[in-house]
Amino acid sequence: MQKNYKLAFNALKKIGCPVIEGGYNDEEHMFRISGEENHTVQWADYDHIIGDSVLDDFGVNHEINKILDKHGLFAEWQNPGVLSVCEI
């Protein structure tokens, strides 16, 4: 995994975010975030319509965005259950 991805992955994992190593096509340089593991913290919600104190307008937790932005990354929906992490 590339350095910026690894740093972000570790920071997200540390706060309990449900991260998944690798991409859908086994890309080793990236990772994904589950949008289906919202048991104790709402990390991501595909059907979320309006931003609030926890999620932005796209249904991504603000804490995820802060960490990804710090490392030159962002999250976008791969499908209704998974966020892909990409470089800006």
C-alpha atoms as a PDB file:
ATOM      1  CA  MET A   1       0.000   0.000   0.000  1.00  0.00           C
ATOM      2  CA  GLN A   2       1.304   3.462  -0.874  1.00  0.00           C
ATOM      3  CA  LYS A   3       2.498   5.565   2.056  1.00  0.00           C
ATOM      4  CA  ASN A   4      -0.395   8.064   2.060  1.00  0.00           C
ATOM      5  CA  TYR A   5      -2.939   5.237   1.838  1.00  0.00           C
ATOM      6  CA  LYS A   6      -1.211   3.288   4.627  1.00  0.00           C
ATOM      7  CA  LEU A   7      -1.129   6.328   6.937  1.00  0.00           C
ATOM      8  CA  ALA A   8      -4.809   7.046   6.333  1.00  0.00           C
ATOM      9  CA  PHE A   9      -5.719   3.339   6.669  1.00  0.00           C
ATOM     10  CA  ASN A  10      -3.967   3.116  10.042  1.00  0.00           C
ATOM     11  CA  ALA A  11      -5.508   6.375  11.313  1.00  0.00           C
ATOM     12  CA  LEU A  12      -9.003   5.240  10.328  1.00  0.00           C
ATOM     13  CA  LYS A  13      -8.485   1.804  11.822  1.00  0.00           C
ATOM     14  CA  LYS A  14      -7.325   3.440  15.061  1.00  0.00           C
ATOM     15  CA  ILE A  15     -10.638   5.300  15.444  1.00  0.00           C
ATOM     16  CA  GLY A  16     -12.608   2.121  14.716  1.00  0.00           C
ATOM     17  CA  CYS A  17     -13.585   2.830  11.113  1.00  0.00           C
ATOM     18  CA  PRO A  18     -14.402  -0.393   9.190  1.00  0.00           C
ATOM     19  CA  VAL A  19     -11.571  -0.375   6.636  1.00  0.00           C
ATOM     20  CA  ILE A  20     -10.947  -3.151   4.097  1.00  0.00           C
ATOM     21  CA  GLU A  21      -7.475  -3.716   2.632  1.00  0.00           C
ATOM     22  CA  GLY A  22      -7.180  -3.710  -1.155  1.00  0.00           C
ATOM     23  CA  GLY A  23      -9.468  -2.663  -3.967  1.00  0.00           C
ATOM     24  CA  TYR A  24     -12.209  -4.615  -5.728  1.00  0.00           C
ATOM     25  CA  ASN A  25      -9.698  -5.870  -8.257  1.00  0.00           C
ATOM     26  CA  ASP A  26      -7.097  -6.792  -5.622  1.00  0.00           C
ATOM     27  CA  GLU A  27      -5.220  -3.489  -5.984  1.00  0.00           C
ATOM     28  CA  GLU A  28      -2.628  -3.569  -3.230  1.00  0.00           C
ATOM     29  CA  HIS A  29      -2.054   0.206  -3.209  1.00  0.00           C
ATOM     30  CA  MET A  30      -5.517   1.123  -1.921  1.00  0.00           C
ATOM     31  CA  PHE A  31      -8.263   0.318   0.570  1.00  0.00           C
ATOM     32  CA  ARG A  32     -12.025   0.573   0.956  1.00  0.00           C
ATOM     33  CA  ILE A  33     -14.417   1.531   3.754  1.00  0.00           C
ATOM     34  CA  SER A  34     -17.522  -0.469   4.624  1.00  0.00           C
ATOM     35  CA  GLY A  35     -20.757   1.491   4.604  1.00  0.00           C
ATOM     36  CA  GLU A  36     -22.588  -1.396   6.238  1.00  0.00           C
ATOM     37  CA  GLU A  37     -20.908  -1.497   9.654  1.00  0.00           C
ATOM     38  CA  ASN A  38     -22.663   1.341  11.446  1.00  0.00           C
ATOM     39  CA  HIS A  39     -23.403  -0.466  14.703  1.00  0.00           C
ATOM     40  CA  THR A  40     -21.851   1.954  17.208  1.00  0.00           C
ATOM     41  CA  VAL A  41     -20.804   4.855  14.956  1.00  0.00           C
ATOM     42  CA  GLN A  42     -22.439   5.949  11.735  1.00  0.00           C
ATOM     43  CA  TRP A  43     -19.447   5.818   9.369  1.00  0.00           C
ATOM     44  CA  ALA A  44     -21.260   6.016   6.049  1.00  0.00           C
ATOM     45  CA  ASP A  45     -24.827   5.900   4.757  1.00  0.00           C
ATOM     46  CA  TYR A  46     -25.513   5.736   1.019  1.00  0.00           C
ATOM     47  CA  ASP A  47     -29.149   6.800   1.460  1.00  0.00           C
ATOM     48  CA  HIS A  48     -28.299   9.826   3.600  1.00  0.00           C
ATOM     49  CA  ILE A  49     -29.688  12.890   1.842  1.00  0.00           C
ATOM     50  CA  ILE A  50     -28.700  15.974   3.850  1.00  0.00           C
ATOM     51  CA  GLY A  51     -25.465  16.599   5.748  1.00  0.00           C
ATOM     52  CA  ASP A  52     -25.610  16.877   9.523  1.00  0.00           C
ATOM     53  CA  SER A  53     -23.233  16.868  12.479  1.00  0.00           C
ATOM     54  CA  VAL A  54     -22.001  13.324  11.714  1.00  0.00           C
ATOM     55  CA  LEU A  55     -22.298  12.861   7.927  1.00  0.00           C
ATOM     56  CA  ASP A  56     -21.625  15.145   4.971  1.00  0.00           C
ATOM     57  CA  ASP A  57     -24.043  15.620   2.059  1.00  0.00           C
ATOM     58  CA  PHE A  58     -22.743  12.410   0.446  1.00  0.00           C
ATOM     59  CA  GLY A  59     -23.282  10.298   3.569  1.00  0.00           C
ATOM     60  CA  VAL A  60     -19.623  10.083   4.667  1.00  0.00           C
ATOM     61  CA  ASN A  61     -18.600  10.655   8.280  1.00  0.00           C
ATOM     62  CA  HIS A  62     -16.770  13.970   8.757  1.00  0.00           C
ATOM     63  CA  GLU A  63     -13.987  12.198  10.701  1.00  0.00           C
ATOM     64  CA  ILE A  64     -13.279   9.997   7.672  1.00  0.00           C
ATOM     65  CA  ASN A  65     -13.091  13.085   5.455  1.00  0.00           C
ATOM     66  CA  LYS A  66     -10.658  14.866   7.803  1.00  0.00           C
ATOM     67  CA  ILE A  67      -8.255  11.940   7.853  1.00  0.00           C
ATOM     68  CA  LEU A  68      -8.443  11.264   4.122  1.00  0.00           C
ATOM     69  CA  ASP A  69      -8.031  14.943   3.244  1.00  0.00           C
ATOM     70  CA  LYS A  70      -4.914  15.151   5.432  1.00  0.00           C
ATOM     71  CA  HIS A  71      -3.347  12.438   3.259  1.00  0.00           C
ATOM     72  CA  GLY A  72      -4.495  13.733  -0.144  1.00  0.00           C
ATOM     73  CA  LEU A  73      -7.314  11.206  -0.461  1.00  0.00           C
ATOM     74  CA  PHE A  74     -11.109  11.190  -0.699  1.00  0.00           C
ATOM     75  CA  ALA A  75     -13.897   8.621  -0.542  1.00  0.00           C
ATOM     76  CA  GLU A  76     -16.556   7.955  -3.149  1.00  0.00           C
ATOM     77  CA  TRP A  77     -19.274   5.343  -3.286  1.00  0.00           C
ATOM     78  CA  GLN A  78     -18.263   2.190  -5.193  1.00  0.00           C
ATOM     79  CA  ASN A  79     -21.710   0.756  -4.524  1.00  0.00           C
ATOM     80  CA  PRO A  80     -24.349   1.319  -1.784  1.00  0.00           C
ATOM     81  CA  GLY A  81     -22.286  -0.702   0.711  1.00  0.00           C
ATOM     82  CA  VAL A  82     -18.670   0.304   0.083  1.00  0.00           C
ATOM     83  CA  LEU A  83     -16.644   3.497  -0.240  1.00  0.00           C
ATOM     84  CA  SER A  84     -13.551   3.436  -2.449  1.00  0.00           C
ATOM     85  CA  VAL A  85     -10.631   5.575  -1.333  1.00  0.00           C
ATOM     86  CA  CYS A  86      -8.962   7.529  -4.141  1.00  0.00           C
ATOM     87  CA  GLU A  87      -6.241  10.135  -4.548  1.00  0.00           C
ATOM     88  CA  ILE A  88      -7.267  13.738  -5.058  1.00  0.00           C
END
